[in-house]
Amino acid sequence: MSHVPHVPDGVALHSTSRSSYSSSGAVTDVRLDSPVSTLRIPDIFSDKESIIQFKKGVEAASKFLPTANSLLADVRYDVVGKEQYEERKDAVVKVDNYGKKQSPERSRGKKNYLREDVIDSAEGRNNKQSAVFSESTVWSEMFDRVLLCSAGKNESALRETLQAISKQNALENGPSKGSNGKKKIQGKKKGGKRDVVDLRTLLTNCAQAVAAGNQRTANELLKQIRQSCSPTGDGMQRLAYYFADGLEARMAGSGTHIYKALITRPVSAVDVLKAYHLRLAACPFRPMSSFFSNKTIMNLAEKASTVHIIDIGIMWGFQWPGLIQRLSSRPGGPPKLRITGIDFPHPGFRPAERVEETGRRLANYAESFKVPFEFNAIAQKWETVKVEDLKINKGEVLVVNCLYRFRNLLDETVVVNSPRDVVLNLIRKLNPDVFVQGTLNGAYNAPFFIMRFHQALFHYSSLFDVAEAIVPREVHERMLLEKNILGQEAMNVIACEGAERIERPETYKQWQVRIMKAGFRQLPLDEEIMRMITERFKVYDKNFVIDVDSEWLLQGWKGRISHALSTWKAAY
């Protein structure tokens, strides 16, 4: 098996995190086995072939994914936290000063194919000279099969596996009824009927007690909720578990402290990727969003010599390996690809660490597919970014991409000069060929707690219900997704206030007004893209919905719209 190459000479990576940093020489990354350089995958943007490849591929992916029985055995998770592992060897690579690789070491550990942890020694790090990353060959294989265009096959196989487990569970335990907010208490009868606990009502009443400062009532209600909720139960029981955490933290006045502790914990990119893979397979929101954005960029890049993508809120950059692969097969050869990755600074001594790591990984993919590549990392508050920081070159196709991250910017209720408007004004000054915007369609940004709590309960009930309907309860990646993503978001919404509350979504209609006010005009939805997305949507659960309103592509669950996409250009 071939190795993912290190960032070669000629592939430029630049980093900015208040103090400027750049590197135009060779930058090394963790060297891992990967099949990336030998892949030849059909064009995902061809129509008929695309649909066939997207729907099928279980057999091709079976070597990566376990059978229903083995998956169930591998991810069986009990309440006391004991998991079954197999032996493995991890390569430990020490990295000094962003990219100088030291000698690898070998350490023995445990392995579970759907529970592969990467140990980040950032926690407890007491200097800024070194960081230790523990990796395995599973890392690169997962990145390749999830992020490249063959992922559709693996997602199809994973959906088949999840369905098999769901059927097996239904035979053993009876069919799941989904998350309806009520839990039957076994063994307790009143008047010949089992007692029913309405968790939704308990949560609402508890929130009202917390808002009124009635600590005694709030504690009593929290006790009732705790008796009926569980992180391993059905959808509503899981939601209640994390919402109760938020209410308890808010009542204790420790919400900000707890949330900061949660987000500063070391996070394994592999664990994040596994949760992301599960999300891709079970839910169309993310894959359709990436397809919408990438296809829009491919249409613009048809004859371009250089494409410059400014990705606001790049995080792990999971969207871009597939685009790099597609650009490599462009007739006449690939253009030069420049990506400017912008995100908030990471807590600690190395604020640009995560963005830089994303750049190194993308540079590896670009080298593998022989796409000329340059990456510019910017880790600072988005409203402080200036035009000159973005290194715009004349004659390049310029794309600004922001999928579902504008919700993390403060608004005018906190800061007079709204960072949302500041960033939109910056984008308008850039005059990009297209601005692709994805909006999390939520209304839980109200300054009043009770109103915000009601809307958050409304929104997250839908997301937890998706998981309950699609993903078996035993699958560890579901727990990972709910705890590390949905649970953390809910904690921020419920327990934090002021500048510390960064989960602030607006509805797509609110964003339409805001973007137009900033000087943009909305572009019509591309008919070909819409037709292809509509066809791809059919492989997912029938309760997922897709619609169009005012040139927004809308996605949702059981009639409730949660994600919206649109494209824009500067109006003047």
Protein backbone atom coordinates (compact mmCIF):
# COMPACT_ATOMS: atom_id res chain seq x y z
CA MET A 1 0.00 0.00 0.00
CA SER A 2 1.37 3.41 -0.91
CA HIS A 3 2.01 6.20 1.53
CA VAL A 4 0.32 9.58 1.56
CA PRO A 5 3.12 11.91 0.52
CA HIS A 6 4.31 14.72 2.71
CA VAL A 7 3.71 18.26 1.57
CA PRO A 8 6.23 18.67 -1.24
CA ASP A 9 8.41 21.55 -2.28
CA GLY A 10 6.29 23.91 -4.31
CA VAL A 11 3.13 23.36 -2.28
CA ALA A 12 2.81 26.49 -0.21
CA LEU A 13 1.21 26.75 3.20
CA HIS A 14 0.86 30.04 5.03
CA SER A 15 -0.46 30.66 8.50
CA THR A 16 -1.75 33.75 10.30
CA SER A 17 -2.84 33.91 13.93
CA ARG A 18 -2.26 37.51 14.88
CA SER A 19 1.49 37.00 14.56
CA SER A 20 2.18 36.18 10.92
CA TYR A 21 3.60 32.81 10.00
CA SER A 22 4.44 31.36 6.63
CA SER A 23 6.23 28.40 5.17
CA SER A 24 7.01 27.97 1.52
CA GLY A 25 9.34 25.01 1.93
CA ALA A 26 8.66 21.37 2.62
CA VAL A 27 6.20 20.82 5.43
CA THR A 28 5.97 17.30 6.80
CA ASP A 29 2.87 15.65 8.14
CA VAL A 30 2.27 12.39 9.97
CA ARG A 31 3.24 9.74 7.43
CA LEU A 32 0.51 7.13 7.08
CA ASP A 33 -0.38 4.32 4.72
CA SER A 34 -3.07 5.29 2.24
CA PRO A 35 -4.53 4.06 -1.04
CA VAL A 36 -5.15 7.63 -2.13
CA SER A 37 -2.54 7.76 -4.89
CA THR A 38 -3.84 4.66 -6.63
CA LEU A 39 -7.53 5.55 -6.74
CA ARG A 40 -9.31 6.10 -10.04
CA ILE A 41 -12.91 6.92 -9.32
CA PRO A 42 -15.73 7.78 -11.76
CA ASP A 43 -16.82 11.40 -12.09
CA ILE A 44 -19.42 12.15 -9.42
CA PHE A 45 -20.71 15.01 -11.51
CA SER A 46 -21.80 12.84 -14.43
CA ASP A 47 -25.53 12.30 -14.23
CA LYS A 48 -26.65 8.71 -14.79
CA GLU A 49 -23.40 7.11 -13.70
CA SER A 50 -23.40 9.32 -10.61
CA ILE A 51 -26.77 8.03 -9.47
CA ILE A 52 -25.77 4.40 -10.04
CA GLN A 53 -22.54 4.82 -8.10
CA PHE A 54 -24.32 6.63 -5.30
CA LYS A 55 -27.01 3.97 -4.85
CA LYS A 56 -24.76 0.92 -5.12
CA GLY A 57 -21.35 -0.16 -3.96
CA VAL A 58 -22.06 -2.32 -0.94
CA GLU A 59 -19.87 -5.12 -2.23
CA ALA A 60 -16.98 -2.79 -3.01
CA ALA A 61 -17.12 -1.26 0.43
CA SER A 62 -17.55 -4.48 2.38
CA LYS A 63 -13.84 -4.81 3.06
CA PHE A 64 -13.96 -1.59 5.05
CA LEU A 65 -17.30 -2.01 6.81
CA PRO A 66 -18.25 -4.88 9.11
CA THR A 67 -21.33 -7.01 8.74
CA ALA A 68 -24.44 -6.21 10.75
CA ASN A 69 -23.54 -8.77 13.39
CA SER A 70 -19.92 -7.68 13.76
CA LEU A 71 -20.84 -4.01 13.81
CA LEU A 72 -23.30 -4.71 16.57
CA ALA A 73 -20.64 -6.61 18.49
CA ASP A 74 -17.95 -4.00 17.92
CA VAL A 75 -19.96 -1.00 19.06
CA ARG A 76 -21.96 -2.60 21.87
CA TYR A 77 -21.61 -0.08 24.66
CA ASP A 78 -22.74 -0.68 28.20
CA VAL A 79 -23.65 1.89 30.81
CA VAL A 80 -20.51 1.40 32.87
CA GLY A 81 -18.41 2.30 29.82
CA LYS A 82 -16.68 -1.02 29.10
CA GLU A 83 -15.90 -1.66 25.45
CA GLN A 84 -14.35 -4.57 23.64
CA TYR A 85 -11.13 -3.86 21.78
CA GLU A 86 -8.65 -5.75 19.66
CA GLU A 87 -4.89 -5.38 19.68
CA ARG A 88 -3.25 -2.78 17.48
CA LYS A 89 -0.03 -0.83 17.05
CA ASP A 90 -0.02 2.95 16.90
CA ALA A 91 2.66 5.06 15.30
CA VAL A 92 3.53 8.00 17.50
CA VAL A 93 5.13 10.91 15.71
CA LYS A 94 6.51 13.91 17.54
CA VAL A 95 6.09 17.22 15.73
CA ASP A 96 8.10 20.29 16.71
CA ASN A 97 7.41 23.85 15.61
CA TYR A 98 4.76 22.99 13.01
CA GLY A 99 6.06 20.31 10.78
CA LYS A 100 9.52 19.09 11.86
CA LYS A 101 9.07 15.36 12.26
CA GLN A 102 11.04 13.54 14.92
CA SER A 103 11.66 9.82 15.16
CA PRO A 104 8.54 7.65 15.31
CA GLU A 105 7.91 5.36 18.20
CA ARG A 106 5.71 2.31 18.54
CA SER A 107 3.29 1.80 21.38
CA ARG A 108 0.79 -0.93 21.97
CA GLY A 109 -2.86 -0.09 22.44
CA LYS A 110 -6.33 -1.34 21.68
CA LYS A 111 -8.36 -1.25 18.54
CA ASN A 112 -12.01 -1.22 17.56
CA TYR A 113 -12.71 -0.49 13.91
CA LEU A 114 -15.52 1.91 14.71
CA ARG A 115 -13.93 3.20 17.90
CA GLU A 116 -10.38 4.18 16.87
CA ASP A 117 -9.15 6.94 19.18
CA VAL A 118 -6.32 9.31 18.45
CA ILE A 119 -4.55 10.55 21.56
CA ASP A 120 -3.79 14.28 21.53
CA SER A 121 -1.46 15.35 24.28
CA ALA A 122 -2.69 18.95 24.10
CA GLU A 123 -4.39 18.47 27.48
CA GLY A 124 -1.85 19.26 30.11
CA ARG A 125 0.68 20.58 27.61
CA ASN A 126 2.97 22.98 29.44
CA ASN A 127 5.07 24.37 26.61
CA LYS A 128 4.65 25.43 23.02
CA GLN A 129 7.56 23.56 21.52
CA SER A 130 5.93 20.20 20.88
CA ALA A 131 2.74 18.26 20.45
CA VAL A 132 2.38 14.49 20.23
CA PHE A 133 -0.06 12.85 17.87
CA SER A 134 -0.88 9.15 18.01
CA GLU A 135 -2.14 7.77 14.70
CA SER A 136 -2.77 4.48 12.94
CA THR A 137 -3.20 3.40 9.35
CA VAL A 138 -6.95 3.47 9.95
CA TRP A 139 -6.63 7.28 9.96
CA SER A 140 -5.67 7.64 6.30
CA GLU A 141 -7.98 4.86 5.11
CA MET A 142 -10.91 6.54 6.82
CA PHE A 143 -10.07 9.95 5.42
CA ASP A 144 -9.78 8.51 1.92
CA ARG A 145 -12.95 6.49 1.89
CA VAL A 146 -15.08 9.10 3.68
CA LEU A 147 -13.83 12.28 2.03
CA LEU A 148 -13.13 11.19 -1.53
CA CYS A 149 -15.76 10.55 -4.17
CA SER A 150 -15.93 6.83 -3.44
CA ALA A 151 -17.49 7.71 -0.11
CA GLY A 152 -20.93 7.35 -1.64
CA LYS A 153 -20.31 3.61 -1.92
CA ASN A 154 -19.23 3.32 1.70
CA GLU A 155 -22.16 5.41 2.88
CA SER A 156 -24.48 3.14 0.94
CA ALA A 157 -22.92 0.11 2.62
CA LEU A 158 -23.11 1.77 6.02
CA ARG A 159 -26.80 2.53 5.50
CA GLU A 160 -27.37 -1.13 4.66
CA THR A 161 -25.54 -2.14 7.84
CA LEU A 162 -27.50 0.28 10.00
CA GLN A 163 -30.77 -0.98 8.51
CA ALA A 164 -29.76 -4.58 9.22
CA ILE A 165 -29.05 -3.75 12.87
CA SER A 166 -32.33 -1.85 13.16
CA LYS A 167 -34.24 -4.85 11.81
CA GLN A 168 -32.40 -7.17 14.19
CA ASN A 169 -33.21 -4.90 17.13
CA ALA A 170 -36.84 -4.67 16.05
CA LEU A 171 -37.11 -8.46 16.04
CA GLU A 172 -35.52 -8.72 19.48
CA ASN A 173 -37.06 -5.72 21.23
CA GLY A 174 -39.98 -4.59 19.10
CA PRO A 175 -39.98 -1.63 16.73
CA SER A 176 -38.78 1.75 17.91
CA LYS A 177 -41.47 4.39 18.11
CA GLY A 178 -39.11 7.31 17.68
CA SER A 179 -38.68 10.28 19.94
CA ASN A 180 -42.06 11.65 20.97
CA GLY A 181 -41.16 13.21 24.28
CA LYS A 182 -42.86 10.61 26.46
CA LYS A 183 -41.37 7.64 28.28
CA LYS A 184 -43.29 4.66 29.64
CA ILE A 185 -42.15 3.60 33.08
CA GLN A 186 -42.14 -0.18 33.26
CA GLY A 187 -43.76 -1.88 36.26
CA LYS A 188 -45.62 1.14 37.59
CA LYS A 189 -49.34 1.08 37.09
CA LYS A 190 -52.04 3.51 37.97
CA GLY A 191 -55.64 2.71 37.24
CA GLY A 192 -54.59 -0.26 35.14
CA LYS A 193 -52.26 1.85 32.94
CA ARG A 194 -48.54 2.48 32.99
CA ASP A 195 -47.41 5.90 34.12
CA VAL A 196 -46.11 8.11 31.33
CA VAL A 197 -43.44 10.74 31.87
CA ASP A 198 -43.68 13.66 29.47
CA LEU A 199 -40.05 14.76 29.25
CA ARG A 200 -40.81 17.69 26.99
CA THR A 201 -43.21 19.20 29.54
CA LEU A 202 -40.83 18.49 32.42
CA LEU A 203 -37.99 20.24 30.57
CA THR A 204 -40.17 23.26 29.78
CA ASN A 205 -41.43 23.56 33.36
CA CYS A 206 -37.88 23.21 34.67
CA ALA A 207 -36.64 25.95 32.33
CA GLN A 208 -39.41 28.25 33.58
CA ALA A 209 -38.43 27.53 37.19
CA VAL A 210 -34.77 28.23 36.43
CA ALA A 211 -35.67 31.49 34.68
CA ALA A 212 -37.79 32.56 37.68
CA GLY A 213 -34.99 31.70 40.12
CA ASN A 214 -37.17 29.07 41.82
CA GLN A 215 -34.32 26.75 42.71
CA ARG A 216 -36.34 24.34 44.83
CA THR A 217 -38.89 23.62 42.09
CA ALA A 218 -36.14 23.44 39.46
CA ASN A 219 -34.21 20.88 41.52
CA GLU A 220 -37.31 18.74 42.02
CA LEU A 221 -38.05 18.79 38.27
CA LEU A 222 -34.42 18.03 37.44
CA LYS A 223 -34.58 15.02 39.73
CA GLN A 224 -37.64 13.72 37.86
CA ILE A 225 -35.95 14.32 34.50
CA ARG A 226 -32.77 12.52 35.62
CA GLN A 227 -34.80 9.47 36.62
CA SER A 228 -36.29 9.19 33.14
CA CYS A 229 -33.51 10.32 30.77
CA SER A 230 -30.41 8.52 29.55
CA PRO A 231 -27.59 9.10 27.03
CA THR A 232 -28.25 5.57 25.76
CA GLY A 233 -32.06 5.68 25.63
CA ASP A 234 -34.40 6.74 22.86
CA GLY A 235 -34.12 10.07 21.08
CA MET A 236 -36.10 12.14 23.56
CA GLN A 237 -34.42 10.54 26.56
CA ARG A 238 -31.03 11.43 25.11
CA LEU A 239 -32.08 15.00 24.32
CA ALA A 240 -33.46 15.38 27.86
CA TYR A 241 -30.17 14.14 29.29
CA TYR A 242 -28.16 16.91 27.58
CA PHE A 243 -30.79 19.60 28.08
CA ALA A 244 -30.86 18.72 31.79
CA ASP A 245 -27.09 19.22 31.89
CA GLY A 246 -27.57 22.68 30.41
CA LEU A 247 -30.33 23.62 32.85
CA GLU A 248 -28.29 22.41 35.81
CA ALA A 249 -25.24 24.40 34.66
CA ARG A 250 -27.32 27.52 34.11
CA MET A 251 -28.92 27.23 37.56
CA ALA A 252 -25.48 26.80 39.16
CA GLY A 253 -24.08 29.77 37.23
CA SER A 254 -21.30 27.58 35.82
CA GLY A 255 -22.44 27.34 32.19
CA THR A 256 -19.56 29.30 30.70
CA HIS A 257 -16.94 27.39 32.71
CA ILE A 258 -18.39 23.99 31.78
CA TYR A 259 -18.76 24.88 28.11
CA LYS A 260 -15.16 26.12 27.88
CA ALA A 261 -13.99 22.89 29.49
CA LEU A 262 -15.95 20.89 26.91
CA ILE A 263 -14.62 22.71 23.84
CA THR A 264 -11.01 22.76 25.02
CA ARG A 265 -10.83 19.01 25.52
CA PRO A 266 -8.49 17.24 23.08
CA VAL A 267 -10.54 16.11 20.08
CA SER A 268 -9.50 13.23 17.88
CA ALA A 269 -9.86 14.00 14.18
CA VAL A 270 -10.54 10.31 13.61
CA ASP A 271 -13.43 10.30 16.09
CA VAL A 272 -14.78 13.45 14.48
CA LEU A 273 -14.46 11.81 11.09
CA LYS A 274 -16.31 8.70 12.22
CA ALA A 275 -19.19 10.77 13.53
CA TYR A 276 -19.09 12.76 10.28
CA HIS A 277 -19.16 9.54 8.24
CA LEU A 278 -22.18 8.33 10.17
CA ARG A 279 -23.84 11.68 9.55
CA LEU A 280 -23.15 11.42 5.81
CA ALA A 281 -24.61 7.94 5.63
CA ALA A 282 -27.67 8.55 7.76
CA CYS A 283 -28.59 12.11 6.86
CA PRO A 284 -28.42 14.02 3.53
CA PHE A 285 -27.92 17.51 4.94
CA ARG A 286 -24.11 17.60 4.85
CA PRO A 287 -23.40 15.58 1.67
CA MET A 288 -26.00 17.55 -0.28
CA SER A 289 -24.54 20.81 1.02
CA SER A 290 -21.00 19.86 0.00
CA PHE A 291 -22.24 18.68 -3.40
CA PHE A 292 -24.16 21.94 -3.92
CA SER A 293 -21.06 24.02 -3.11
CA ASN A 294 -18.50 21.87 -4.97
CA LYS A 295 -20.59 21.59 -8.12
CA THR A 296 -21.10 25.36 -8.12
CA ILE A 297 -17.31 25.80 -7.88
CA MET A 298 -16.64 23.20 -10.59
CA ASN A 299 -18.93 25.06 -12.98
CA LEU A 300 -16.98 28.28 -12.37
CA ALA A 301 -13.61 26.52 -12.62
CA GLU A 302 -14.28 25.01 -16.03
CA LYS A 303 -11.74 27.25 -17.80
CA ALA A 304 -10.00 28.96 -14.89
CA SER A 305 -6.23 28.90 -14.49
CA THR A 306 -6.44 29.61 -10.74
CA VAL A 307 -9.30 29.05 -8.30
CA HIS A 308 -9.13 30.74 -4.91
CA ILE A 309 -11.58 29.49 -2.24
CA ILE A 310 -11.96 31.47 0.97
CA ASP A 311 -13.57 29.04 3.42
CA ILE A 312 -14.96 30.87 6.45
CA GLY A 313 -15.18 28.40 9.32
CA ILE A 314 -13.10 25.69 7.63
CA MET A 315 -12.78 23.44 10.73
CA TRP A 316 -11.37 20.09 9.45
CA GLY A 317 -11.84 20.92 5.76
CA PHE A 318 -13.80 17.73 5.10
CA GLN A 319 -15.48 19.29 2.06
CA TRP A 320 -12.37 19.83 -0.05
CA PRO A 321 -10.63 16.47 -0.81
CA GLY A 322 -13.50 15.53 -3.12
CA LEU A 323 -13.21 18.84 -4.98
CA ILE A 324 -9.44 18.39 -5.31
CA GLN A 325 -10.01 14.97 -6.84
CA ARG A 326 -12.53 16.35 -9.33
CA LEU A 327 -10.29 19.25 -10.34
CA SER A 328 -7.49 16.76 -11.07
CA SER A 329 -9.56 15.19 -13.87
CA ARG A 330 -10.61 18.44 -15.49
CA PRO A 331 -10.13 18.38 -19.29
CA GLY A 332 -6.91 20.21 -20.09
CA GLY A 333 -5.48 19.66 -16.65
CA PRO A 334 -6.28 21.03 -13.19
CA PRO A 335 -6.15 24.70 -12.28
CA LYS A 336 -4.01 25.97 -9.45
CA LEU A 337 -6.08 25.72 -6.28
CA ARG A 338 -5.64 28.25 -3.51
CA ILE A 339 -7.57 27.78 -0.27
CA THR A 340 -7.66 30.36 2.49
CA GLY A 341 -8.95 28.62 5.62
CA ILE A 342 -10.38 30.95 8.26
CA ASP A 343 -11.46 29.88 11.71
CA PHE A 344 -11.43 31.07 15.29
CA PRO A 345 -8.14 30.72 17.17
CA HIS A 346 -7.73 27.46 19.08
CA PRO A 347 -7.27 27.86 22.85
CA GLY A 348 -3.70 27.42 24.05
CA PHE A 349 -0.23 28.26 22.83
CA ARG A 350 -0.87 27.35 19.19
CA PRO A 351 -4.02 29.19 18.09
CA ALA A 352 -3.65 28.23 14.42
CA GLU A 353 -2.90 24.55 15.11
CA ARG A 354 -6.17 23.08 13.82
CA VAL A 355 -6.29 25.23 10.69
CA GLU A 356 -2.65 24.45 9.93
CA GLU A 357 -3.28 20.72 10.35
CA THR A 358 -6.19 21.01 7.92
CA GLY A 359 -3.90 22.73 5.43
CA ARG A 360 -1.25 20.02 5.67
CA ARG A 361 -3.83 17.30 5.10
CA LEU A 362 -5.32 19.10 2.08
CA ALA A 363 -1.83 19.65 0.68
CA ASN A 364 -1.27 15.89 0.84
CA TYR A 365 -4.42 15.29 -1.18
CA ALA A 366 -3.45 17.96 -3.71
CA GLU A 367 -0.02 16.39 -4.19
CA SER A 368 -1.57 12.92 -4.55
CA PHE A 369 -3.84 14.14 -7.35
CA LYS A 370 -1.17 16.45 -8.85
CA VAL A 371 -3.17 19.63 -8.31
CA PRO A 372 -1.02 22.76 -7.80
CA PHE A 373 -1.96 23.94 -4.33
CA GLU A 374 -1.48 26.78 -1.88
CA PHE A 375 -3.01 27.08 1.58
CA ASN A 376 -3.27 30.18 3.75
CA ALA A 377 -4.28 29.58 7.38
CA ILE A 378 -5.93 32.42 9.29
CA ALA A 379 -6.86 31.84 12.94
CA GLN A 380 -8.35 34.98 14.45
CA LYS A 381 -11.71 36.61 15.05
CA TRP A 382 -13.38 36.74 11.67
CA GLU A 383 -14.42 40.38 11.96
CA THR A 384 -10.75 41.37 12.36
CA VAL A 385 -9.71 39.85 9.00
CA LYS A 386 -8.68 42.48 6.44
CA VAL A 387 -8.70 42.32 2.65
CA GLU A 388 -4.89 42.27 2.55
CA ASP A 389 -4.82 39.19 4.81
CA LEU A 390 -6.57 37.18 2.08
CA LYS A 391 -3.87 37.66 -0.58
CA ILE A 392 -6.27 38.08 -3.51
CA ASN A 393 -4.56 37.81 -6.92
CA LYS A 394 -5.81 39.42 -10.09
CA GLY A 395 -7.38 37.07 -12.65
CA GLU A 396 -8.24 34.19 -10.32
CA VAL A 397 -11.74 32.80 -9.89
CA LEU A 398 -12.69 33.85 -6.37
CA VAL A 399 -15.18 31.86 -4.26
CA VAL A 400 -16.27 32.61 -0.70
CA ASN A 401 -17.73 29.57 1.05
CA CYS A 402 -19.41 29.49 4.47
CA LEU A 403 -21.51 26.44 5.29
CA TYR A 404 -23.46 26.74 8.55
CA ARG A 405 -20.80 28.67 10.50
CA PHE A 406 -22.16 32.23 10.39
CA ARG A 407 -24.31 31.18 13.36
CA ASN A 408 -21.14 31.31 15.50
CA LEU A 409 -20.69 35.05 14.95
CA LEU A 410 -22.05 37.51 17.48
CA ASP A 411 -24.83 39.85 16.38
CA GLU A 412 -26.06 43.36 17.18
CA THR A 413 -27.71 42.23 20.42
CA VAL A 414 -24.21 41.75 21.88
CA VAL A 415 -21.97 44.11 19.89
CA VAL A 416 -23.16 47.40 18.42
CA ASN A 417 -21.07 46.91 15.28
CA SER A 418 -22.37 43.41 14.44
CA PRO A 419 -19.56 41.00 13.44
CA ARG A 420 -22.04 39.36 11.03
CA ASP A 421 -22.43 42.59 9.13
CA VAL A 422 -18.68 43.31 9.30
CA VAL A 423 -17.84 39.95 7.69
CA LEU A 424 -20.56 40.35 5.04
CA ASN A 425 -19.20 43.81 4.18
CA LEU A 426 -15.71 42.29 3.82
CA ILE A 427 -17.06 39.65 1.42
CA ARG A 428 -18.84 42.31 -0.65
CA LYS A 429 -15.58 44.30 -0.93
CA LEU A 430 -13.87 41.17 -2.25
CA ASN A 431 -16.50 40.98 -5.02
CA PRO A 432 -16.23 37.18 -5.38
CA ASP A 433 -17.50 35.33 -8.44
CA VAL A 434 -19.84 33.53 -6.05
CA PHE A 435 -20.58 33.54 -2.34
CA VAL A 436 -21.99 30.16 -1.22
CA GLN A 437 -23.88 30.37 2.04
CA GLY A 438 -25.36 27.55 4.11
CA THR A 439 -27.67 28.50 6.97
CA LEU A 440 -28.76 26.43 9.94
CA ASN A 441 -32.43 27.35 9.98
CA GLY A 442 -33.03 27.87 13.68
CA ALA A 443 -34.88 30.49 15.71
CA TYR A 444 -33.17 29.94 19.06
CA ASN A 445 -31.21 33.19 19.04
CA ALA A 446 -33.74 35.11 21.14
CA PRO A 447 -32.26 37.23 23.95
CA PHE A 448 -35.00 35.98 26.29
CA PHE A 449 -34.15 32.61 27.83
CA ILE A 450 -37.60 30.98 27.87
CA MET A 451 -38.28 31.84 24.23
CA ARG A 452 -34.83 30.59 23.27
CA PHE A 453 -35.28 27.38 25.23
CA HIS A 454 -38.60 26.61 23.52
CA GLN A 455 -37.08 27.10 20.06
CA ALA A 456 -33.97 25.07 20.93
CA LEU A 457 -36.15 22.22 22.19
CA PHE A 458 -38.13 22.41 18.95
CA HIS A 459 -34.98 22.33 16.79
CA TYR A 460 -32.96 19.66 18.63
CA SER A 461 -35.97 17.37 19.01
CA SER A 462 -35.91 17.06 15.23
CA LEU A 463 -32.18 16.27 15.10
CA PHE A 464 -32.36 13.66 17.86
CA ASP A 465 -35.41 12.15 16.17
CA VAL A 466 -33.43 11.74 12.94
CA ALA A 467 -30.80 9.73 14.82
CA GLU A 468 -33.47 7.67 16.59
CA ALA A 469 -35.18 6.77 13.33
CA ILE A 470 -32.02 6.00 11.33
CA VAL A 471 -29.20 4.89 13.66
CA PRO A 472 -29.40 2.00 16.15
CA ARG A 473 -28.97 3.06 19.77
CA GLU A 474 -25.94 0.82 20.33
CA VAL A 475 -23.76 2.49 17.68
CA HIS A 476 -21.00 4.36 19.46
CA GLU A 477 -20.66 6.99 16.73
CA ARG A 478 -24.23 8.07 17.43
CA MET A 479 -23.32 8.66 21.07
CA LEU A 480 -20.18 10.48 19.98
CA LEU A 481 -22.20 12.75 17.68
CA GLU A 482 -24.83 13.48 20.31
CA LYS A 483 -22.37 14.10 23.14
CA ASN A 484 -19.58 16.01 21.41
CA ILE A 485 -21.63 17.99 18.90
CA LEU A 486 -25.33 18.25 19.72
CA GLY A 487 -24.84 18.08 23.48
CA GLN A 488 -22.13 20.76 23.49
CA GLU A 489 -24.23 23.04 21.29
CA ALA A 490 -27.24 22.62 23.59
CA MET A 491 -25.06 23.41 26.62
CA ASN A 492 -23.99 26.67 24.98
CA VAL A 493 -27.52 27.67 23.98
CA ILE A 494 -29.03 26.93 27.40
CA ALA A 495 -26.30 27.75 29.91
CA CYS A 496 -24.34 30.63 28.36
CA GLU A 497 -25.20 34.30 27.83
CA GLY A 498 -23.69 37.38 26.21
CA ALA A 499 -20.51 36.96 24.20
CA GLU A 500 -20.06 33.44 25.60
CA ARG A 501 -23.16 32.22 23.76
CA ILE A 502 -21.87 31.46 20.27
CA GLU A 503 -24.69 29.21 19.02
CA ARG A 504 -26.86 31.94 17.47
CA PRO A 505 -28.65 30.71 14.35
CA GLU A 506 -31.13 32.79 12.39
CA THR A 507 -33.77 31.59 9.95
CA TYR A 508 -32.94 31.63 6.24
CA LYS A 509 -35.46 34.42 5.73
CA GLN A 510 -33.67 36.55 8.33
CA TRP A 511 -30.38 35.84 6.58
CA GLN A 512 -31.86 36.78 3.22
CA VAL A 513 -32.75 40.22 4.55
CA ARG A 514 -29.35 40.64 6.20
CA ILE A 515 -27.36 39.58 3.13
CA MET A 516 -29.34 41.77 0.75
CA LYS A 517 -28.95 44.72 3.11
CA ALA A 518 -25.17 44.16 3.00
CA GLY A 519 -25.21 44.75 -0.77
CA PHE A 520 -25.64 41.31 -2.37
CA ARG A 521 -28.01 40.01 -5.00
CA GLN A 522 -29.22 36.42 -4.88
CA LEU A 523 -28.42 34.08 -7.76
CA PRO A 524 -31.00 31.66 -9.14
CA LEU A 525 -30.57 27.99 -8.24
CA ASP A 526 -28.86 25.97 -10.96
CA GLU A 527 -31.42 23.59 -12.53
CA GLU A 528 -28.88 20.84 -13.19
CA ILE A 529 -27.62 20.93 -9.60
CA MET A 530 -31.18 20.85 -8.29
CA ARG A 531 -32.08 17.88 -10.48
CA MET A 532 -29.04 15.89 -9.35
CA ILE A 533 -29.56 16.69 -5.67
CA THR A 534 -33.24 15.73 -5.90
CA GLU A 535 -32.27 12.37 -7.39
CA ARG A 536 -29.60 11.74 -4.75
CA PHE A 537 -32.08 12.57 -2.02
CA LYS A 538 -34.09 9.47 -2.91
CA VAL A 539 -31.58 7.08 -1.36
CA TYR A 540 -32.23 8.50 2.10
CA ASP A 541 -35.16 7.95 4.45
CA LYS A 542 -38.51 9.06 3.03
CA ASN A 543 -39.07 11.43 5.97
CA PHE A 544 -36.29 13.73 4.75
CA VAL A 545 -37.69 16.62 2.73
CA ILE A 546 -36.24 18.88 0.06
CA ASP A 547 -37.85 22.09 -1.18
CA VAL A 548 -37.18 25.47 -2.77
CA ASP A 549 -38.24 28.88 -1.49
CA SER A 550 -37.08 32.26 -2.83
CA GLU A 551 -34.02 30.66 -4.51
CA TRP A 552 -33.04 28.84 -1.31
CA LEU A 553 -32.51 25.09 -1.40
CA LEU A 554 -34.19 23.78 1.75
CA GLN A 555 -33.62 20.48 3.56
CA GLY A 556 -35.48 19.13 6.55
CA TRP A 557 -37.05 16.24 8.44
CA LYS A 558 -40.78 15.48 8.61
CA GLY A 559 -41.66 18.89 7.23
CA ARG A 560 -39.40 20.84 9.60
CA ILE A 561 -36.75 22.81 7.66
CA SER A 562 -33.34 22.77 9.34
CA HIS A 563 -30.81 23.59 6.57
CA ALA A 564 -30.88 26.14 3.75
CA LEU A 565 -28.42 26.90 0.90
CA SER A 566 -28.09 29.83 -1.48
CA THR A 567 -25.59 31.62 -3.77
CA TRP A 568 -24.88 35.34 -4.02
CA LYS A 569 -22.90 38.03 -5.83
CA ALA A 570 -22.15 41.61 -4.89
CA ALA A 571 -24.92 43.89 -6.17
CA TYR A 572 -22.58 46.86 -6.69
